PDB file of N, CA and C in Angstrom:
ATOM      1  N   MET A   1     112.171  21.544 145.709  1.00  0.00           N
ATOM      2  CA  MET A   1     111.403  21.200 144.527  1.00  0.00           C
ATOM      3  C   MET A   1     112.283  20.354 143.605  1.00  0.00           C
ATOM      4  N   ALA A   2     111.815  19.170 143.275  1.00  0.00           N
ATOM      5  CA  ALA A   2     112.557  18.246 142.429  1.00  0.00           C
ATOM      6  C   ALA A   2     112.315  18.562 140.953  1.00  0.00           C
ATOM      7  N   GLU A   3     113.291  18.234 140.150  1.00  0.00           N
ATOM      8  CA  GLU A   3     113.172  18.410 138.706  1.00  0.00           C
ATOM      9  C   GLU A   3     112.646  17.113 138.092  1.00  0.00           C
ATOM     10  N   ILE A   4     111.729  17.233 137.150  1.00  0.00           N
ATOM     11  CA  ILE A   4     111.156  16.066 136.492  1.00  0.00           C
ATOM     12  C   ILE A   4     111.875  15.828 135.169  1.00  0.00           C
ATOM     13  N   ARG A   5     112.262  14.566 134.962  1.00  0.00           N
ATOM     14  CA  ARG A   5     112.883  14.165 133.696  1.00  0.00           C
ATOM     15  C   ARG A   5     112.067  13.013 133.120  1.00  0.00           C
ATOM     16  N   TRP A   6     111.831  13.051 131.823  1.00  0.00           N
ATOM     17  CA  TRP A   6     111.089  11.999 131.125  1.00  0.00           C
ATOM     18  C   TRP A   6     112.068  11.083 130.402  1.00  0.00           C
ATOM     19  N   SER A   7     111.917   9.781 130.597  1.00  0.00           N
ATOM     20  CA  SER A   7     112.728   8.830 129.835  1.00  0.00           C
ATOM     21  C   SER A   7     112.214   8.801 128.395  1.00  0.00           C
ATOM     22  N   ARG A   8     113.043   8.325 127.494  1.00  0.00           N
ATOM     23  CA  ARG A   8     112.605   8.192 126.095  1.00  0.00           C
ATOM     24  C   ARG A   8     111.398   7.261 126.005  1.00  0.00           C
ATOM     25  N   GLU A   9     111.436   6.198 126.813  1.00  0.00           N
ATOM     26  CA  GLU A   9     110.332   5.247 126.804  1.00  0.00           C
ATOM     27  C   GLU A   9     109.025   5.911 127.232  1.00  0.00           C
ATOM     28  N   ALA A  10     109.092   6.723 128.271  1.00  0.00           N
ATOM     29  CA  ALA A  10     107.886   7.401 128.751  1.00  0.00           C
ATOM     30  C   ALA A  10     107.356   8.370 127.696  1.00  0.00           C
ATOM     31  N   GLU A  11     108.249   9.100 127.050  1.00  0.00           N
ATOM     32  CA  GLU A  11     107.826  10.005 125.985  1.00  0.00           C
ATOM     33  C   GLU A  11     107.171   9.233 124.850  1.00  0.00           C
ATOM     34  N   GLN A  12     107.743   8.085 124.505  1.00  0.00           N
ATOM     35  CA  GLN A  12     107.184   7.248 123.441  1.00  0.00           C
ATOM     36  C   GLN A  12     105.812   6.712 123.824  1.00  0.00           C
ATOM     37  N   TRP A  13     105.658   6.250 125.071  1.00  0.00           N
ATOM     38  CA  TRP A  13     104.360   5.758 125.535  1.00  0.00           C
ATOM     39  C   TRP A  13     103.305   6.859 125.425  1.00  0.00           C
ATOM     40  N   LEU A  14     103.651   8.062 125.861  1.00  0.00           N
ATOM     41  CA  LEU A  14     102.697   9.169 125.815  1.00  0.00           C
ATOM     42  C   LEU A  14     102.316   9.487 124.367  1.00  0.00           C
ATOM     43  N   ARG A  15     103.298   9.476 123.494  1.00  0.00           N
ATOM     44  CA  ARG A  15     103.043   9.723 122.069  1.00  0.00           C
ATOM     45  C   ARG A  15     102.099   8.643 121.498  1.00  0.00           C
ATOM     46  N   GLU A  16     102.349   7.387 121.866  1.00  0.00           N
ATOM     47  CA  GLU A  16     101.517   6.281 121.369  1.00  0.00           C
ATOM     48  C   GLU A  16     100.086   6.352 121.920  1.00  0.00           C
ATOM     49  N   ILE A  17      99.959   6.753 123.163  1.00  0.00           N
ATOM     50  CA  ILE A  17      98.620   6.937 123.746  1.00  0.00           C
ATOM     51  C   ILE A  17      97.863   8.002 122.967  1.00  0.00           C
ATOM     52  N   TYR A  18      98.544   9.118 122.713  1.00  0.00           N
ATOM     53  CA  TYR A  18      97.923  10.205 121.952  1.00  0.00           C
ATOM     54  C   TYR A  18      97.504   9.715 120.564  1.00  0.00           C
ATOM     55  N   GLU A  19      98.410   9.037 119.864  1.00  0.00           N
ATOM     56  CA  GLU A  19      98.115   8.577 118.504  1.00  0.00           C
ATOM     57  C   GLU A  19      96.965   7.579 118.476  1.00  0.00           C
ATOM     58  N   TYR A  20      96.923   6.691 119.445  1.00  0.00           N
ATOM     59  CA  TYR A  20      95.860   5.687 119.500  1.00  0.00           C
ATOM     60  C   TYR A  20      94.498   6.344 119.707  1.00  0.00           C
ATOM     61  N   ILE A  21      94.412   7.238 120.666  1.00  0.00           N
ATOM     62  CA  ILE A  21      93.128   7.896 120.953  1.00  0.00           C
ATOM     63  C   ILE A  21      92.732   8.824 119.815  1.00  0.00           C
ATOM     64  N   SER A  22      93.707   9.475 119.191  1.00  0.00           N
ATOM     65  CA  SER A  22      93.396  10.461 118.150  1.00  0.00           C
ATOM     66  C   SER A  22      92.807   9.833 116.890  1.00  0.00           C
ATOM     67  N   ARG A  23      92.950   8.523 116.734  1.00  0.00           N
ATOM     68  CA  ARG A  23      92.309   7.851 115.591  1.00  0.00           C
ATOM     69  C   ARG A  23      90.789   8.036 115.650  1.00  0.00           C
ATOM     70  N   ASP A  24      90.261   8.057 116.857  1.00  0.00           N
ATOM     71  CA  ASP A  24      88.820   8.226 117.040  1.00  0.00           C
ATOM     72  C   ASP A  24      88.434   9.660 117.375  1.00  0.00           C
ATOM     73  N   ASN A  25      89.290  10.326 118.176  1.00  0.00           N
ATOM     74  CA  ASN A  25      88.915  11.660 118.637  1.00  0.00           C
ATOM     75  C   ASN A  25      90.168  12.476 118.989  1.00  0.00           C
ATOM     76  N   PRO A  26      90.677  13.275 118.064  1.00  0.00           N
ATOM     77  CA  PRO A  26      91.887  14.065 118.322  1.00  0.00           C
ATOM     78  C   PRO A  26      91.754  15.035 119.496  1.00  0.00           C
ATOM     79  N   THR A  27      90.559  15.564 119.700  1.00  0.00           N
ATOM     80  CA  THR A  27      90.355  16.502 120.808  1.00  0.00           C
ATOM     81  C   THR A  27      90.553  15.805 122.144  1.00  0.00           C
ATOM     82  N   VAL A  28      89.941  14.647 122.294  1.00  0.00           N
ATOM     83  CA  VAL A  28      90.089  13.882 123.533  1.00  0.00           C
ATOM     84  C   VAL A  28      91.539  13.430 123.701  1.00  0.00           C
ATOM     85  N   ALA A  29      92.180  13.049 122.614  1.00  0.00           N
ATOM     86  CA  ALA A  29      93.580  12.613 122.682  1.00  0.00           C
ATOM     87  C   ALA A  29      94.458  13.716 123.256  1.00  0.00           C
ATOM     88  N   GLY A  30      94.237  14.933 122.807  1.00  0.00           N
ATOM     89  CA  GLY A  30      94.998  16.062 123.334  1.00  0.00           C
ATOM     90  C   GLY A  30      94.734  16.300 124.809  1.00  0.00           C
ATOM     91  N   LYS A  31      93.478  16.155 125.208  1.00  0.00           N
ATOM     92  CA  LYS A  31      93.131  16.351 126.616  1.00  0.00           C
ATOM     93  C   LYS A  31      93.754  15.277 127.497  1.00  0.00           C
ATOM     94  N   VAL A  32      93.759  14.029 127.032  1.00  0.00           N
ATOM     95  CA  VAL A  32      94.353  12.947 127.816  1.00  0.00           C
ATOM     96  C   VAL A  32      95.858  13.147 127.940  1.00  0.00           C
ATOM     97  N   ALA A  33      96.521  13.430 126.828  1.00  0.00           N
ATOM     98  CA  ALA A  33      97.973  13.637 126.861  1.00  0.00           C
ATOM     99  C   ALA A  33      98.334  14.820 127.756  1.00  0.00           C
ATOM    100  N   SER A  34      97.594  15.912 127.635  1.00  0.00           N
ATOM    101  CA  SER A  34      97.837  17.085 128.491  1.00  0.00           C
ATOM    102  C   SER A  34      97.565  16.766 129.949  1.00  0.00           C
ATOM    103  N   GLY A  35      96.511  16.012 130.191  1.00  0.00           N
ATOM    104  CA  GLY A  35      96.167  15.639 131.563  1.00  0.00           C
ATOM    105  C   GLY A  35      97.245  14.793 132.213  1.00  0.00           C
ATOM    106  N   ILE A  36      97.786  13.842 131.459  1.00  0.00           N
ATOM    107  CA  ILE A  36      98.874  13.014 131.983  1.00  0.00           C
ATOM    108  C   ILE A  36     100.089  13.880 132.290  1.00  0.00           C
ATOM    109  N   TYR A  37     100.446  14.755 131.354  1.00  0.00           N
ATOM    110  CA  TYR A  37     101.598  15.631 131.567  1.00  0.00           C
ATOM    111  C   TYR A  37     101.376  16.533 132.782  1.00  0.00           C
ATOM    112  N   ASP A  38     100.207  17.147 132.862  1.00  0.00           N
ATOM    113  CA  ASP A  38      99.906  18.039 133.991  1.00  0.00           C
ATOM    114  C   ASP A  38      99.962  17.296 135.322  1.00  0.00           C
ATOM    115  N   LYS A  39      99.481  16.065 135.325  1.00  0.00           N
ATOM    116  CA  LYS A  39      99.504  15.273 136.558  1.00  0.00           C
ATOM    117  C   LYS A  39     100.944  15.045 137.015  1.00  0.00           C
ATOM    118  N   THR A  40     101.856  14.791 136.067  1.00  0.00           N
ATOM    119  CA  THR A  40     103.256  14.582 136.452  1.00  0.00           C
ATOM    120  C   THR A  40     103.868  15.845 137.041  1.00  0.00           C
ATOM    121  N   GLN A  41     103.388  16.996 136.624  1.00  0.00           N
ATOM    122  CA  GLN A  41     103.957  18.248 137.118  1.00  0.00           C
ATOM    123  C   GLN A  41     103.660  18.458 138.608  1.00  0.00           C
ATOM    124  N   LEU A  42     102.618  17.819 139.106  1.00  0.00           N
ATOM    125  CA  LEU A  42     102.326  17.882 140.542  1.00  0.00           C
ATOM    126  C   LEU A  42     103.455  17.274 141.369  1.00  0.00           C
ATOM    127  N   LEU A  43     104.204  16.375 140.750  1.00  0.00           N
ATOM    128  CA  LEU A  43     105.291  15.702 141.465  1.00  0.00           C
ATOM    129  C   LEU A  43     106.424  16.657 141.855  1.00  0.00           C
ATOM    130  N   CYS A  44     106.520  17.789 141.185  1.00  0.00           N
ATOM    131  CA  CYS A  44     107.540  18.787 141.563  1.00  0.00           C
ATOM    132  C   CYS A  44     107.376  19.188 143.026  1.00  0.00           C
ATOM    133  N   ASP A  45     106.145  19.412 143.427  1.00  0.00           N
ATOM    134  CA  ASP A  45     105.866  19.848 144.795  1.00  0.00           C
ATOM    135  C   ASP A  45     105.497  18.704 145.734  1.00  0.00           C
ATOM    136  N   PHE A  46     104.971  17.614 145.149  1.00  0.00           N
ATOM    137  CA  PHE A  46     104.519  16.484 145.971  1.00  0.00           C
ATOM    138  C   PHE A  46     105.079  15.176 145.396  1.00  0.00           C
ATOM    139  N   PRO A  47     106.378  14.936 145.544  1.00  0.00           N
ATOM    140  CA  PRO A  47     106.996  13.769 144.903  1.00  0.00           C
ATOM    141  C   PRO A  47     106.457  12.423 145.381  1.00  0.00           C
ATOM    142  N   GLU A  48     105.894  12.360 146.552  1.00  0.00           N
ATOM    143  CA  GLU A  48     105.377  11.092 147.066  1.00  0.00           C
ATOM    144  C   GLU A  48     103.865  10.976 146.878  1.00  0.00           C
ATOM    145  N   LEU A  49     103.327  11.712 145.909  1.00  0.00           N
ATOM    146  CA  LEU A  49     101.890  11.711 145.648  1.00  0.00           C
ATOM    147  C   LEU A  49     101.386  10.325 145.246  1.00  0.00           C
ATOM    148  N   GLY A  50     102.155   9.615 144.449  1.00  0.00           N
ATOM    149  CA  GLY A  50     101.753   8.275 144.022  1.00  0.00           C
ATOM    150  C   GLY A  50     102.015   7.245 145.105  1.00  0.00           C
ATOM    151  N   TYR A  51     101.495   6.031 144.891  1.00  0.00           N
ATOM    152  CA  TYR A  51     101.728   4.977 145.873  1.00  0.00           C
ATOM    153  C   TYR A  51     103.044   4.261 145.597  1.00  0.00           C
ATOM    154  N   LYS A  52     103.642   3.754 146.645  1.00  0.00           N
ATOM    155  CA  LYS A  52     104.926   3.072 146.535  1.00  0.00           C
ATOM    156  C   LYS A  52     104.733   1.729 145.848  1.00  0.00           C
ATOM    157  N   TYR A  53     105.492   1.511 144.780  1.00  0.00           N
ATOM    158  CA  TYR A  53     105.429   0.262 144.026  1.00  0.00           C
ATOM    159  C   TYR A  53     106.515  -0.707 144.499  1.00  0.00           C
ATOM    160  N   ARG A  54     107.750  -0.207 144.561  1.00  0.00           N
ATOM    161  CA  ARG A  54     108.855  -1.019 145.069  1.00  0.00           C
ATOM    162  C   ARG A  54     110.086  -0.147 145.303  1.00  0.00           C
ATOM    163  N   GLU A  55     110.994  -0.701 146.060  1.00  0.00           N
ATOM    164  CA  GLU A  55     112.251  -0.019 146.376  1.00  0.00           C
ATOM    165  C   GLU A  55     113.343  -0.563 145.451  1.00  0.00           C
ATOM    166  N   GLU A  56     114.139   0.336 144.905  1.00  0.00           N
ATOM    167  CA  GLU A  56     115.275  -0.016 144.049  1.00  0.00           C
ATOM    168  C   GLU A  56     116.523   0.642 144.629  1.00  0.00           C
ATOM    169  N   PRO A  57     117.715   0.143 144.277  1.00  0.00           N
ATOM    170  CA  PRO A  57     118.940   0.785 144.772  1.00  0.00           C
ATOM    171  C   PRO A  57     119.031   2.270 144.391  1.00  0.00           C
ATOM    172  N   GLU A  58     118.454   2.631 143.230  1.00  0.00           N
ATOM    173  CA  GLU A  58     118.496   4.022 142.764  1.00  0.00           C
ATOM    174  C   GLU A  58     117.489   4.906 143.482  1.00  0.00           C
ATOM    175  N   GLY A  59     116.451   4.306 144.036  1.00  0.00           N
ATOM    176  CA  GLY A  59     115.415   5.091 144.695  1.00  0.00           C
ATOM    177  C   GLY A  59     114.100   4.344 144.752  1.00  0.00           C
ATOM    178  N   GLU A  60     113.066   5.071 145.064  1.00  0.00           N
ATOM    179  CA  GLU A  60     111.730   4.512 145.247  1.00  0.00           C
ATOM    180  C   GLU A  60     110.931   4.605 143.950  1.00  0.00           C
ATOM    181  N   VAL A  61     110.444   3.469 143.452  1.00  0.00           N
ATOM    182  CA  VAL A  61     109.557   3.478 142.287  1.00  0.00           C
ATOM    183  C   VAL A  61     108.136   3.643 142.807  1.00  0.00           C
ATOM    184  N   ARG A  62     107.429   4.616 142.237  1.00  0.00           N
ATOM    185  CA  ARG A  62     106.065   4.909 142.671  1.00  0.00           C
ATOM    186  C   ARG A  62     105.148   4.954 141.450  1.00  0.00           C
ATOM    187  N   ILE A  63     103.859   4.829 141.697  1.00  0.00           N
ATOM    188  CA  ILE A  63     102.852   4.857 140.641  1.00  0.00           C
ATOM    189  C   ILE A  63     101.856   5.973 140.948  1.00  0.00           C
ATOM    190  N   LEU A  64     101.657   6.829 139.958  1.00  0.00           N
ATOM    191  CA  LEU A  64     100.688   7.915 140.048  1.00  0.00           C
ATOM    192  C   LEU A  64      99.551   7.592 139.084  1.00  0.00           C
ATOM    193  N   LEU A  65      98.330   7.681 139.542  1.00  0.00           N
ATOM    194  CA  LEU A  65      97.182   7.332 138.718  1.00  0.00           C
ATOM    195  C   LEU A  65      96.601   8.549 138.018  1.00  0.00           C
ATOM    196  N   TYR A  66      96.207   8.323 136.756  1.00  0.00           N
ATOM    197  CA  TYR A  66      95.479   9.342 135.994  1.00  0.00           C
ATOM    198  C   TYR A  66      94.473   8.607 135.114  1.00  0.00           C
ATOM    199  N   GLY A  67      93.220   8.659 135.479  1.00  0.00           N
ATOM    200  CA  GLY A  67      92.192   7.954 134.707  1.00  0.00           C
ATOM    201  C   GLY A  67      92.506   6.472 134.613  1.00  0.00           C
ATOM    202  N   HIS A  68      92.572   5.964 133.387  1.00  0.00           N
ATOM    203  CA  HIS A  68      92.877   4.553 133.154  1.00  0.00           C
ATOM    204  C   HIS A  68      94.379   4.294 133.092  1.00  0.00           C
ATOM    205  N   TYR A  69      95.185   5.290 133.356  1.00  0.00           N
ATOM    206  CA  TYR A  69      96.635   5.170 133.166  1.00  0.00           C
ATOM    207  C   TYR A  69      97.397   5.202 134.478  1.00  0.00           C
ATOM    208  N   ARG A  70      98.524   4.512 134.470  1.00  0.00           N
ATOM    209  CA  ARG A  70      99.439   4.508 135.608  1.00  0.00           C
ATOM    210  C   ARG A  70     100.756   5.118 135.140  1.00  0.00           C
ATOM    211  N   ILE A  71     101.187   6.112 135.855  1.00  0.00           N
ATOM    212  CA  ILE A  71     102.433   6.811 135.549  1.00  0.00           C
ATOM    213  C   ILE A  71     103.483   6.289 136.523  1.00  0.00           C
ATOM    214  N   ALA A  72     104.476   5.582 135.993  1.00  0.00           N
ATOM    215  CA  ALA A  72     105.531   5.026 136.835  1.00  0.00           C
ATOM    216  C   ALA A  72     106.688   6.012 136.887  1.00  0.00           C
ATOM    217  N   TYR A  73     107.183   6.256 138.098  1.00  0.00           N
ATOM    218  CA  TYR A  73     108.308   7.174 138.252  1.00  0.00           C
ATOM    219  C   TYR A  73     109.189   6.713 139.400  1.00  0.00           C
ATOM    220  N   ILE A  74     110.407   7.217 139.384  1.00  0.00           N
ATOM    221  CA  ILE A  74     111.350   6.891 140.445  1.00  0.00           C
ATOM    222  C   ILE A  74     111.854   8.189 141.062  1.00  0.00           C
ATOM    223  N   ILE A  75     111.912   8.195 142.369  1.00  0.00           N
ATOM    224  CA  ILE A  75     112.420   9.357 143.093  1.00  0.00           C
ATOM    225  C   ILE A  75     113.882   9.086 143.431  1.00  0.00           C
ATOM    226  N   THR A  76     114.763   9.944 142.943  1.00  0.00           N
ATOM    227  CA  THR A  76     116.177   9.866 143.298  1.00  0.00           C
ATOM    228  C   THR A  76     116.515  11.097 144.139  1.00  0.00           C
ATOM    229  N   ASP A  77     117.777  11.302 144.414  1.00  0.00           N
ATOM    230  CA  ASP A  77     118.169  12.420 145.274  1.00  0.00           C
ATOM    231  C   ASP A  77     117.720  13.781 144.733  1.00  0.00           C
ATOM    232  N   ASP A  78     117.943  14.028 143.449  1.00  0.00           N
ATOM    233  CA  ASP A  78     117.674  15.357 142.899  1.00  0.00           C
ATOM    234  C   ASP A  78     116.590  15.390 141.827  1.00  0.00           C
ATOM    235  N   PHE A  79     116.135  14.221 141.402  1.00  0.00           N
ATOM    236  CA  PHE A  79     115.236  14.170 140.256  1.00  0.00           C
ATOM    237  C   PHE A  79     114.054  13.244 140.496  1.00  0.00           C
ATOM    238  N   ILE A  80     113.040  13.459 139.688  1.00  0.00           N
ATOM    239  CA  ILE A  80     111.933  12.525 139.552  1.00  0.00           C
ATOM    240  C   ILE A  80     111.959  12.103 138.092  1.00  0.00           C
ATOM    241  N   ASP A  81     112.251  10.841 137.863  1.00  0.00           N
ATOM    242  CA  ASP A  81     112.339  10.323 136.504  1.00  0.00           C
ATOM    243  C   ASP A  81     111.056   9.579 136.153  1.00  0.00           C
ATOM    244  N   ILE A  82     110.383  10.047 135.103  1.00  0.00           N
ATOM    245  CA  ILE A  82     109.180   9.372 134.627  1.00  0.00           C
ATOM    246  C   ILE A  82     109.649   8.182 133.797  1.00  0.00           C
ATOM    247  N   LEU A  83     109.255   6.984 134.233  1.00  0.00           N
ATOM    248  CA  LEU A  83     109.721   5.755 133.604  1.00  0.00           C
ATOM    249  C   LEU A  83     108.801   5.275 132.492  1.00  0.00           C
ATOM    250  N   GLY A  84     107.500   5.468 132.657  1.00  0.00           N
ATOM    251  CA  GLY A  84     106.564   5.001 131.646  1.00  0.00           C
ATOM    252  C   GLY A  84     105.137   5.364 131.996  1.00  0.00           C
ATOM    253  N   ILE A  85     104.273   5.269 130.985  1.00  0.00           N
ATOM    254  CA  ILE A  85     102.850   5.514 131.142  1.00  0.00           C
ATOM    255  C   ILE A  85     102.153   4.233 130.683  1.00  0.00           C
ATOM    256  N   PHE A  86     101.391   3.622 131.561  1.00  0.00           N
ATOM    257  CA  PHE A  86     100.815   2.318 131.269  1.00  0.00           C
ATOM    258  C   PHE A  86      99.306   2.331 131.430  1.00  0.00           C
ATOM    259  N   HIS A  87      98.614   1.744 130.470  1.00  0.00           N
ATOM    260  CA  HIS A  87      97.175   1.577 130.608  1.00  0.00           C
ATOM    261  C   HIS A  87      96.923   0.578 131.729  1.00  0.00           C
ATOM    262  N   GLY A  88      95.849   0.778 132.452  1.00  0.00           N
ATOM    263  CA  GLY A  88      95.528  -0.082 133.584  1.00  0.00           C
ATOM    264  C   GLY A  88      95.378  -1.549 133.227  1.00  0.00           C
ATOM    265  N   ALA A  89      95.056  -1.851 131.964  1.00  0.00           N
ATOM    266  CA  ALA A  89      94.873  -3.247 131.547  1.00  0.00           C
ATOM    267  C   ALA A  89      96.205  -3.976 131.348  1.00  0.00           C
ATOM    268  N   LEU A  90      97.294  -3.238 131.240  1.00  0.00           N
ATOM    269  CA  LEU A  90      98.605  -3.864 131.020  1.00  0.00           C
ATOM    270  C   LEU A  90      99.181  -4.403 132.319  1.00  0.00           C
ATOM    271  N   GLN A  91      99.935  -5.463 132.209  1.00  0.00           N
ATOM    272  CA  GLN A  91     100.655  -5.997 133.353  1.00  0.00           C
ATOM    273  C   GLN A  91     101.955  -5.211 133.486  1.00  0.00           C
ATOM    274  N   ILE A  92     101.946  -4.266 134.377  1.00  0.00           N
ATOM    275  CA  ILE A  92     103.056  -3.335 134.522  1.00  0.00           C
ATOM    276  C   ILE A  92     104.378  -4.055 134.853  1.00  0.00           C
ATOM    277  N   GLU A  93     104.275  -5.197 135.502  1.00  0.00           N
ATOM    278  CA  GLU A  93     105.466  -5.953 135.888  1.00  0.00           C
ATOM    279  C   GLU A  93     106.287  -6.370 134.678  1.00  0.00           C
ATOM    280  N   ARG A  94     105.656  -6.544 133.539  1.00  0.00           N
ATOM    281  CA  ARG A  94     106.358  -6.939 132.321  1.00  0.00           C
ATOM    282  C   ARG A  94     107.248  -5.821 131.790  1.00  0.00           C
ATOM    283  N   TYR A  95     106.949  -4.595 132.166  1.00  0.00           N
ATOM    284  CA  TYR A  95     107.661  -3.449 131.627  1.00  0.00           C
ATOM    285  C   TYR A  95     108.641  -2.836 132.605  1.00  0.00           C
ATOM    286  N   LEU A  96     108.360  -2.947 133.882  1.00  0.00           N
ATOM    287  CA  LEU A  96     109.249  -2.399 134.907  1.00  0.00           C
ATOM    288  C   LEU A  96     110.058  -3.547 135.497  1.00  0.00           C
ATOM    289  N   LEU A  97     111.166  -3.819 134.869  1.00  0.00           N
ATOM    290  CA  LEU A  97     112.007  -4.937 135.328  1.00  0.00           C
ATOM    291  C   LEU A  97     112.900  -4.533 136.463  1.00  0.00           C
TER     292      LEU A  97
END
């Protein structure tokens, strides 16, 4: 079972998603943020659940889908690092250099 670590950027993205949605509906914002977090927890048992995005020297970058969002993560030897949470409308290539 791999340990999940969140980057500061990923935490910030999740916070911004929550804040944006909560302007219209705080209840839905909480459900979306919780849903994204819960989805990442599946990676503890199923690290290759998402599709392969690209190979890096540090490991495999993969994308896990949740609704309109893409959760980018990298699998290393001992950890799963959450790199960011991106809305489907964003060009993810601009953020994952």
